[in-house]
Amino acid sequence: MVTLDSTQYAAAPAAAPAPTSPPAASITTIDLAGQDVRVVNAAVQTAEHGTRWRIQHPAGKHNVAVGITSAIDVTIDGHVGYYAAGMHQQGSVTINGNAGVGLAENIMSGTVHVTGDASQSAAATGHGGLVVIDGNAGARCGISMKGVDIVVGGSIGHMSAFMAQAGRLIVCGDAGEALGDSIYETRIYVQGTVQSLGADCIEKPMRDEHLAELAELLLAAGRDDDPAAFTRYGSARKLYHFNVDNAY
């Protein structure tokens, strides 16, 4: 068990010494109870490639494991609050519990995996990478996504994929109201029912290329759902082209 020194992992100064990293086969365990989240984040943000970290007793704290830029493996044992694994760029973060609002917001690459449920705005504005939620996700899942892939094992709430520009959203359960409202070029796959579609979002045919990419994403998420059981949704490509009739 490691107790971090806040003077060693100061949040801002570049001159702060980097932590001594363990061999790739070992795991550095940090008990978050009684420690400043910023100190813990500074440790994983400066960790060497290939190292493994375990964060215990997060107790719903916010902003845990944000801004990771190296290819490390981080496991969080317990529930986390807002914006966990935000701005993620490399490696993987696994949360053995539930996550609050804004999970993996603005993810760029790498993998973020939640074994429980996620609240609103999961993977909002994500540019790349893979976000896997084994349970359900709340409203606005994938809002303004820009290239991230999201796989939800359960259902999602209303206004998910709102203004989604690129990437893929896979829902193994049901979807709430106004799915894909004002969507651009994101592809949405839903296995269950959709309460309603948003503006300019329509059902689309499932071709071989879509079955292949869906199978690949399900496999990457560790799932064995049948791709043929899903329905594809996407943009009708009417809303984002200028039409003089819509001018004021």
C-alpha atoms as a PDB file:
ATOM      1  CA  MET A   1       0.000   0.000   0.000  1.00  0.00           C
ATOM      2  CA  VAL A   2       1.350   3.405  -0.989  1.00  0.00           C
ATOM      3  CA  THR A   3       0.689   6.637   0.876  1.00  0.00           C
ATOM      4  CA  LEU A   4       1.427   9.520  -1.464  1.00  0.00           C
ATOM      5  CA  ASP A   5       3.199  12.672  -0.397  1.00  0.00           C
ATOM      6  CA  SER A   6       1.411  15.804  -1.571  1.00  0.00           C
ATOM      7  CA  THR A   7       4.715  17.667  -1.750  1.00  0.00           C
ATOM      8  CA  GLN A   8       6.110  15.043  -4.115  1.00  0.00           C
ATOM      9  CA  TYR A   9       3.096  15.047  -6.437  1.00  0.00           C
ATOM     10  CA  ALA A  10       2.210  18.715  -6.518  1.00  0.00           C
ATOM     11  CA  ALA A  11      -0.503  19.348  -9.081  1.00  0.00           C
ATOM     12  CA  ALA A  12       1.122  22.108 -11.114  1.00  0.00           C
ATOM     13  CA  PRO A  13       4.942  22.264 -11.068  1.00  0.00           C
ATOM     14  CA  ALA A  14       6.683  20.384 -13.824  1.00  0.00           C
ATOM     15  CA  ALA A  15       9.755  20.158 -11.618  1.00  0.00           C
ATOM     16  CA  ALA A  16       8.045  17.838  -9.151  1.00  0.00           C
ATOM     17  CA  PRO A  17       9.867  14.480  -9.212  1.00  0.00           C
ATOM     18  CA  ALA A  18       8.060  11.621 -10.898  1.00  0.00           C
ATOM     19  CA  PRO A  19       7.099   8.630  -8.746  1.00  0.00           C
ATOM     20  CA  THR A  20       9.309   5.591  -8.704  1.00  0.00           C
ATOM     21  CA  SER A  21       7.421   3.130 -10.895  1.00  0.00           C
ATOM     22  CA  PRO A  22       7.237  -0.565 -10.092  1.00  0.00           C
ATOM     23  CA  PRO A  23       8.071  -3.285 -12.606  1.00  0.00           C
ATOM     24  CA  ALA A  24       5.324  -3.934 -15.147  1.00  0.00           C
ATOM     25  CA  ALA A  25       4.386  -7.226 -13.430  1.00  0.00           C
ATOM     26  CA  SER A  26       3.704  -5.567 -10.055  1.00  0.00           C
ATOM     27  CA  ILE A  27       0.835  -3.344  -8.979  1.00  0.00           C
ATOM     28  CA  THR A  28       1.131  -0.111  -7.021  1.00  0.00           C
ATOM     29  CA  THR A  29      -1.865   0.106  -4.681  1.00  0.00           C
ATOM     30  CA  ILE A  30      -3.108   3.482  -3.438  1.00  0.00           C
ATOM     31  CA  ASP A  31      -5.702   3.881  -0.682  1.00  0.00           C
ATOM     32  CA  LEU A  32      -7.685   7.002  -1.570  1.00  0.00           C
ATOM     33  CA  ALA A  33      -9.249   7.206   1.889  1.00  0.00           C
ATOM     34  CA  GLY A  34      -7.909  10.321   3.566  1.00  0.00           C
ATOM     35  CA  GLN A  35      -5.824  11.360   0.567  1.00  0.00           C
ATOM     36  CA  ASP A  36      -6.260  14.287  -1.785  1.00  0.00           C
ATOM     37  CA  VAL A  37      -7.569  13.200  -5.202  1.00  0.00           C
ATOM     38  CA  ARG A  38      -5.199  15.669  -6.868  1.00  0.00           C
ATOM     39  CA  VAL A  39      -2.208  13.906  -5.339  1.00  0.00           C
ATOM     40  CA  VAL A  40      -3.423  10.527  -6.569  1.00  0.00           C
ATOM     41  CA  ASN A  41      -4.110  11.931 -10.039  1.00  0.00           C
ATOM     42  CA  ALA A  42      -0.641  13.467 -10.189  1.00  0.00           C
ATOM     43  CA  ALA A  43       0.828  10.040  -9.460  1.00  0.00           C
ATOM     44  CA  VAL A  44      -0.965   8.264 -12.312  1.00  0.00           C
ATOM     45  CA  GLN A  45      -0.487  11.204 -14.667  1.00  0.00           C
ATOM     46  CA  THR A  46       3.293  10.950 -14.290  1.00  0.00           C
ATOM     47  CA  ALA A  47       3.476   7.152 -14.235  1.00  0.00           C
ATOM     48  CA  GLU A  48       5.729   5.313 -16.656  1.00  0.00           C
ATOM     49  CA  HIS A  49       4.360   3.324 -19.567  1.00  0.00           C
ATOM     50  CA  GLY A  50       3.448  -0.263 -18.767  1.00  0.00           C
ATOM     51  CA  THR A  51       2.934   0.185 -15.029  1.00  0.00           C
ATOM     52  CA  ARG A  52      -0.139  -1.049 -13.169  1.00  0.00           C
ATOM     53  CA  TRP A  53      -2.059   0.823 -10.477  1.00  0.00           C
ATOM     54  CA  ARG A  54      -4.923   0.004  -8.120  1.00  0.00           C
ATOM     55  CA  ILE A  55      -6.947   2.706  -6.353  1.00  0.00           C
ATOM     56  CA  GLN A  56      -8.938   1.557  -3.332  1.00  0.00           C
ATOM     57  CA  HIS A  57     -11.765   3.196  -1.350  1.00  0.00           C
ATOM     58  CA  PRO A  58     -12.695   5.940  -3.849  1.00  0.00           C
ATOM     59  CA  ALA A  59     -15.921   6.449  -1.864  1.00  0.00           C
ATOM     60  CA  GLY A  60     -17.644   8.362  -4.665  1.00  0.00           C
ATOM     61  CA  LYS A  61     -14.993  11.052  -4.936  1.00  0.00           C
ATOM     62  CA  HIS A  62     -15.003  13.186  -8.061  1.00  0.00           C
ATOM     63  CA  ASN A  63     -12.367  13.515 -10.817  1.00  0.00           C
ATOM     64  CA  VAL A  64     -10.602  10.249 -10.032  1.00  0.00           C
ATOM     65  CA  ALA A  65      -7.948   9.076 -12.545  1.00  0.00           C
ATOM     66  CA  VAL A  66      -8.319  12.008 -14.939  1.00  0.00           C
ATOM     67  CA  GLY A  67      -5.848  13.158 -17.556  1.00  0.00           C
ATOM     68  CA  ILE A  68      -3.906   9.903 -17.967  1.00  0.00           C
ATOM     69  CA  THR A  69      -1.503  10.270 -20.892  1.00  0.00           C
ATOM     70  CA  SER A  70       0.663   7.130 -20.645  1.00  0.00           C
ATOM     71  CA  ALA A  71      -0.075   3.497 -21.475  1.00  0.00           C
ATOM     72  CA  ILE A  72      -0.778   2.335 -17.932  1.00  0.00           C
ATOM     73  CA  ASP A  73      -3.431   0.088 -16.403  1.00  0.00           C
ATOM     74  CA  VAL A  74      -5.521   1.567 -13.577  1.00  0.00           C
ATOM     75  CA  THR A  75      -8.154  -0.353 -11.584  1.00  0.00           C
ATOM     76  CA  ILE A  76     -10.483   1.507  -9.226  1.00  0.00           C
ATOM     77  CA  ASP A  77     -12.191  -0.666  -6.622  1.00  0.00           C
ATOM     78  CA  GLY A  78     -15.453   1.055  -5.751  1.00  0.00           C
ATOM     79  CA  HIS A  79     -17.874   3.743  -6.879  1.00  0.00           C
ATOM     80  CA  VAL A  80     -16.648   7.060  -8.283  1.00  0.00           C
ATOM     81  CA  GLY A  81     -18.314  10.466  -8.586  1.00  0.00           C
ATOM     82  CA  TYR A  82     -18.328  13.045 -11.366  1.00  0.00           C
ATOM     83  CA  TYR A  83     -15.933  13.074 -14.329  1.00  0.00           C
ATOM     84  CA  ALA A  84     -13.960   9.910 -13.546  1.00  0.00           C
ATOM     85  CA  ALA A  85     -11.315   9.068 -16.169  1.00  0.00           C
ATOM     86  CA  GLY A  86     -11.956  12.346 -17.942  1.00  0.00           C
ATOM     87  CA  MET A  87      -9.612  13.480 -20.740  1.00  0.00           C
ATOM     88  CA  HIS A  88      -8.254   9.935 -20.979  1.00  0.00           C
ATOM     89  CA  GLN A  89      -5.579   9.452 -23.642  1.00  0.00           C
ATOM     90  CA  GLN A  90      -3.795   6.113 -23.252  1.00  0.00           C
ATOM     91  CA  GLY A  91      -3.924   2.824 -21.398  1.00  0.00           C
ATOM     92  CA  SER A  92      -6.980   1.566 -19.567  1.00  0.00           C
ATOM     93  CA  VAL A  93      -9.084   2.470 -16.550  1.00  0.00           C
ATOM     94  CA  THR A  94     -11.405  -0.137 -15.024  1.00  0.00           C
ATOM     95  CA  ILE A  95     -13.957   0.968 -12.436  1.00  0.00           C
ATOM     96  CA  ASN A  96     -15.333  -1.888 -10.348  1.00  0.00           C
ATOM     97  CA  GLY A  97     -18.503  -0.066  -9.380  1.00  0.00           C
ATOM     98  CA  ASN A  98     -20.741   2.744 -10.616  1.00  0.00           C
ATOM     99  CA  ALA A  99     -19.725   6.111 -12.069  1.00  0.00           C
ATOM    100  CA  GLY A 100     -21.304   9.548 -11.742  1.00  0.00           C
ATOM    101  CA  VAL A 101     -21.951  12.278 -14.296  1.00  0.00           C
ATOM    102  CA  GLY A 102     -19.468  12.793 -17.128  1.00  0.00           C
ATOM    103  CA  LEU A 103     -17.621   9.483 -17.106  1.00  0.00           C
ATOM    104  CA  ALA A 104     -14.659   9.595 -19.551  1.00  0.00           C
ATOM    105  CA  GLU A 105     -15.639  13.048 -20.770  1.00  0.00           C
ATOM    106  CA  ASN A 106     -13.512  14.127 -23.739  1.00  0.00           C
ATOM    107  CA  ILE A 107     -11.740  10.775 -23.973  1.00  0.00           C
ATOM    108  CA  MET A 108      -9.179  10.779 -26.784  1.00  0.00           C
ATOM    109  CA  SER A 109      -7.996   7.148 -26.921  1.00  0.00           C
ATOM    110  CA  GLY A 110      -7.475   4.104 -24.716  1.00  0.00           C
ATOM    111  CA  THR A 111     -10.197   2.211 -22.832  1.00  0.00           C
ATOM    112  CA  VAL A 112     -12.470   3.063 -19.910  1.00  0.00           C
ATOM    113  CA  HIS A 113     -14.573   0.213 -18.499  1.00  0.00           C
ATOM    114  CA  VAL A 114     -17.272   0.476 -15.820  1.00  0.00           C
ATOM    115  CA  THR A 115     -18.595  -2.787 -14.406  1.00  0.00           C
ATOM    116  CA  GLY A 116     -21.707  -1.111 -12.976  1.00  0.00           C
ATOM    117  CA  ASP A 117     -23.914   1.778 -14.119  1.00  0.00           C
ATOM    118  CA  ALA A 118     -22.976   5.259 -15.321  1.00  0.00           C
ATOM    119  CA  SER A 119     -24.921   8.465 -14.782  1.00  0.00           C
ATOM    120  CA  GLN A 120     -25.614  11.214 -17.319  1.00  0.00           C
ATOM    121  CA  SER A 121     -23.370  12.362 -20.163  1.00  0.00           C
ATOM    122  CA  ALA A 122     -21.084   9.330 -20.289  1.00  0.00           C
ATOM    123  CA  ALA A 123     -18.249   9.847 -22.798  1.00  0.00           C
ATOM    124  CA  ALA A 124     -19.527  13.308 -23.702  1.00  0.00           C
ATOM    125  CA  THR A 125     -17.516  14.969 -26.510  1.00  0.00           C
ATOM    126  CA  GLY A 126     -15.273  11.886 -26.754  1.00  0.00           C
ATOM    127  CA  HIS A 127     -12.886  12.024 -29.710  1.00  0.00           C
ATOM    128  CA  GLY A 128     -11.664   8.408 -29.697  1.00  0.00           C
ATOM    129  CA  GLY A 129     -11.049   5.305 -27.643  1.00  0.00           C
ATOM    130  CA  LEU A 130     -13.533   2.793 -26.254  1.00  0.00           C
ATOM    131  CA  VAL A 131     -15.907   3.251 -23.307  1.00  0.00           C
ATOM    132  CA  VAL A 132     -17.620   0.117 -22.002  1.00  0.00           C
ATOM    133  CA  ILE A 133     -20.460   0.298 -19.468  1.00  0.00           C
ATOM    134  CA  ASP A 134     -21.640  -3.129 -18.362  1.00  0.00           C
ATOM    135  CA  GLY A 135     -24.807  -1.779 -16.744  1.00  0.00           C
ATOM    136  CA  ASN A 136     -27.094   1.111 -17.693  1.00  0.00           C
ATOM    137  CA  ALA A 137     -26.198   4.666 -18.703  1.00  0.00           C
ATOM    138  CA  GLY A 138     -28.236   7.756 -17.896  1.00  0.00           C
ATOM    139  CA  ALA A 139     -29.481  10.562 -20.109  1.00  0.00           C
ATOM    140  CA  ARG A 140     -27.317  12.150 -22.824  1.00  0.00           C
ATOM    141  CA  CYS A 141     -24.955   9.233 -23.156  1.00  0.00           C
ATOM    142  CA  GLY A 142     -22.490  10.118 -25.921  1.00  0.00           C
ATOM    143  CA  ILE A 143     -23.668  13.716 -26.278  1.00  0.00           C
ATOM    144  CA  SER A 144     -21.634  15.496 -28.976  1.00  0.00           C
ATOM    145  CA  MET A 145     -19.409  12.445 -29.434  1.00  0.00           C
ATOM    146  CA  LYS A 146     -16.692  13.053 -32.002  1.00  0.00           C
ATOM    147  CA  GLY A 147     -15.211   9.618 -32.675  1.00  0.00           C
ATOM    148  CA  VAL A 148     -15.436   7.614 -29.449  1.00  0.00           C
ATOM    149  CA  ASP A 149     -16.933   4.111 -29.446  1.00  0.00           C
ATOM    150  CA  ILE A 150     -19.389   3.399 -26.620  1.00  0.00           C
ATOM    151  CA  VAL A 151     -20.789  -0.023 -25.713  1.00  0.00           C
ATOM    152  CA  VAL A 152     -23.568  -0.113 -23.097  1.00  0.00           C
ATOM    153  CA  GLY A 153     -24.606  -3.530 -21.811  1.00  0.00           C
ATOM    154  CA  GLY A 154     -27.913  -2.248 -20.461  1.00  0.00           C
ATOM    155  CA  SER A 155     -30.180   0.639 -21.432  1.00  0.00           C
ATOM    156  CA  ILE A 156     -29.590   4.370 -21.959  1.00  0.00           C
ATOM    157  CA  GLY A 157     -31.614   7.448 -21.059  1.00  0.00           C
ATOM    158  CA  HIS A 158     -33.179  10.240 -23.097  1.00  0.00           C
ATOM    159  CA  MET A 159     -31.344  12.541 -25.522  1.00  0.00           C
ATOM    160  CA  SER A 160     -28.445  10.139 -25.945  1.00  0.00           C
ATOM    161  CA  ALA A 161     -26.118  10.814 -28.890  1.00  0.00           C
ATOM    162  CA  PHE A 162     -27.492  14.353 -29.119  1.00  0.00           C
ATOM    163  CA  MET A 163     -25.527  16.181 -31.840  1.00  0.00           C
ATOM    164  CA  ALA A 164     -23.272  13.133 -32.138  1.00  0.00           C
ATOM    165  CA  GLN A 165     -20.781  13.786 -34.915  1.00  0.00           C
ATOM    166  CA  ALA A 166     -18.668  10.608 -35.308  1.00  0.00           C
ATOM    167  CA  GLY A 167     -18.041   7.252 -33.658  1.00  0.00           C
ATOM    168  CA  ARG A 168     -20.341   4.361 -32.764  1.00  0.00           C
ATOM    169  CA  LEU A 169     -22.864   3.955 -29.920  1.00  0.00           C
ATOM    170  CA  ILE A 170     -23.923   0.367 -29.181  1.00  0.00           C
ATOM    171  CA  VAL A 171     -26.831  -0.256 -26.803  1.00  0.00           C
ATOM    172  CA  CYS A 172     -27.564  -3.839 -25.820  1.00  0.00           C
ATOM    173  CA  GLY A 173     -30.743  -2.824 -23.986  1.00  0.00           C
ATOM    174  CA  ASP A 174     -33.303  -0.097 -24.708  1.00  0.00           C
ATOM    175  CA  ALA A 175     -32.974   3.606 -25.547  1.00  0.00           C
ATOM    176  CA  GLY A 176     -34.981   6.500 -24.147  1.00  0.00           C
ATOM    177  CA  GLU A 177     -36.643   9.451 -25.853  1.00  0.00           C
ATOM    178  CA  ALA A 178     -35.114  11.543 -28.632  1.00  0.00           C
ATOM    179  CA  LEU A 179     -32.288   9.174 -29.493  1.00  0.00           C
ATOM    180  CA  GLY A 180     -29.780  10.770 -31.862  1.00  0.00           C
ATOM    181  CA  ASP A 181     -31.419  14.184 -31.911  1.00  0.00           C
ATOM    182  CA  SER A 182     -29.636  16.471 -34.415  1.00  0.00           C
ATOM    183  CA  ILE A 183     -27.219  13.659 -35.212  1.00  0.00           C
ATOM    184  CA  TYR A 184     -24.448  14.035 -37.772  1.00  0.00           C
ATOM    185  CA  GLU A 185     -22.532  10.890 -38.817  1.00  0.00           C
ATOM    186  CA  THR A 186     -22.419   8.738 -35.675  1.00  0.00           C
ATOM    187  CA  ARG A 187     -23.727   5.205 -36.121  1.00  0.00           C
ATOM    188  CA  ILE A 188     -26.099   3.924 -33.439  1.00  0.00           C
ATOM    189  CA  TYR A 189     -26.933   0.261 -32.880  1.00  0.00           C
ATOM    190  CA  VAL A 190     -29.726  -0.718 -30.468  1.00  0.00           C
ATOM    191  CA  GLN A 191     -30.720  -4.272 -29.615  1.00  0.00           C
ATOM    192  CA  GLY A 192     -33.853  -3.385 -27.658  1.00  0.00           C
ATOM    193  CA  THR A 193     -36.603  -0.837 -28.190  1.00  0.00           C
ATOM    194  CA  VAL A 194     -36.264   2.901 -28.820  1.00  0.00           C
ATOM    195  CA  GLN A 195     -38.814   5.117 -27.101  1.00  0.00           C
ATOM    196  CA  SER A 196     -38.506   7.785 -29.798  1.00  0.00           C
ATOM    197  CA  LEU A 197     -36.033   9.163 -32.321  1.00  0.00           C
ATOM    198  CA  GLY A 198     -34.820  12.749 -32.262  1.00  0.00           C
ATOM    199  CA  ALA A 199     -34.748  15.255 -35.105  1.00  0.00           C
ATOM    200  CA  ASP A 200     -33.117  13.936 -38.293  1.00  0.00           C
ATOM    201  CA  CYS A 201     -32.422  10.494 -36.810  1.00  0.00           C
ATOM    202  CA  ILE A 202     -33.864   7.566 -38.761  1.00  0.00           C
ATOM    203  CA  GLU A 203     -33.665   3.782 -38.887  1.00  0.00           C
ATOM    204  CA  LYS A 204     -31.179   2.557 -41.475  1.00  0.00           C
ATOM    205  CA  PRO A 205     -30.523  -0.787 -43.177  1.00  0.00           C
ATOM    206  CA  MET A 206     -28.076  -3.217 -41.605  1.00  0.00           C
ATOM    207  CA  ARG A 207     -25.544  -4.201 -44.289  1.00  0.00           C
ATOM    208  CA  ASP A 208     -22.674  -6.660 -44.019  1.00  0.00           C
ATOM    209  CA  GLU A 209     -20.211  -3.869 -43.211  1.00  0.00           C
ATOM    210  CA  HIS A 210     -22.334  -2.815 -40.253  1.00  0.00           C
ATOM    211  CA  LEU A 211     -22.692  -6.359 -38.953  1.00  0.00           C
ATOM    212  CA  ALA A 212     -18.912  -6.738 -39.164  1.00  0.00           C
ATOM    213  CA  GLU A 213     -18.094  -3.526 -37.307  1.00  0.00           C
ATOM    214  CA  LEU A 214     -20.730  -4.257 -34.669  1.00  0.00           C
ATOM    215  CA  ALA A 215     -19.351  -7.754 -34.104  1.00  0.00           C
ATOM    216  CA  GLU A 216     -15.872  -6.297 -33.683  1.00  0.00           C
ATOM    217  CA  LEU A 217     -17.029  -3.728 -31.124  1.00  0.00           C
ATOM    218  CA  LEU A 218     -19.047  -6.253 -29.139  1.00  0.00           C
ATOM    219  CA  LEU A 219     -16.025  -8.548 -29.026  1.00  0.00           C
ATOM    220  CA  ALA A 220     -13.802  -5.676 -27.868  1.00  0.00           C
ATOM    221  CA  ALA A 221     -16.310  -5.022 -25.059  1.00  0.00           C
ATOM    222  CA  GLY A 222     -16.260  -8.676 -24.008  1.00  0.00           C
ATOM    223  CA  ARG A 223     -19.838  -9.364 -25.109  1.00  0.00           C
ATOM    224  CA  ASP A 224     -21.379 -12.206 -27.090  1.00  0.00           C
ATOM    225  CA  ASP A 225     -24.597 -10.526 -28.294  1.00  0.00           C
ATOM    226  CA  ASP A 226     -25.744 -11.412 -31.798  1.00  0.00           C
ATOM    227  CA  PRO A 227     -25.096  -8.464 -34.168  1.00  0.00           C
ATOM    228  CA  ALA A 228     -28.090  -9.521 -36.277  1.00  0.00           C
ATOM    229  CA  ALA A 229     -30.393  -8.710 -33.335  1.00  0.00           C
ATOM    230  CA  PHE A 230     -29.540  -4.982 -33.495  1.00  0.00           C
ATOM    231  CA  THR A 231     -31.139  -2.142 -35.448  1.00  0.00           C
ATOM    232  CA  ARG A 232     -29.020   0.648 -36.913  1.00  0.00           C
ATOM    233  CA  TYR A 233     -29.908   4.326 -36.653  1.00  0.00           C
ATOM    234  CA  GLY A 234     -28.247   7.352 -38.169  1.00  0.00           C
ATOM    235  CA  SER A 235     -28.649  10.727 -39.807  1.00  0.00           C
ATOM    236  CA  ALA A 236     -31.189  11.481 -42.523  1.00  0.00           C
ATOM    237  CA  ARG A 237     -28.696  14.181 -43.586  1.00  0.00           C
ATOM    238  CA  LYS A 238     -31.383  16.849 -43.912  1.00  0.00           C
ATOM    239  CA  LEU A 239     -30.903  18.967 -40.811  1.00  0.00           C
ATOM    240  CA  TYR A 240     -27.264  19.970 -41.186  1.00  0.00           C
ATOM    241  CA  HIS A 241     -27.497  21.103 -44.822  1.00  0.00           C
ATOM    242  CA  PHE A 242     -28.590  24.713 -45.259  1.00  0.00           C
ATOM    243  CA  ASN A 243     -32.118  25.140 -46.502  1.00  0.00           C
ATOM    244  CA  VAL A 244     -33.332  28.638 -47.295  1.00  0.00           C
ATOM    245  CA  ASP A 245     -36.799  27.668 -46.128  1.00  0.00           C
ATOM    246  CA  ASN A 246     -35.422  27.370 -42.604  1.00  0.00           C
ATOM    247  CA  ALA A 247     -33.901  30.862 -42.602  1.00  0.00           C
ATOM    248  CA  TYR A 248     -35.432  33.610 -40.493  1.00  0.00           C
END
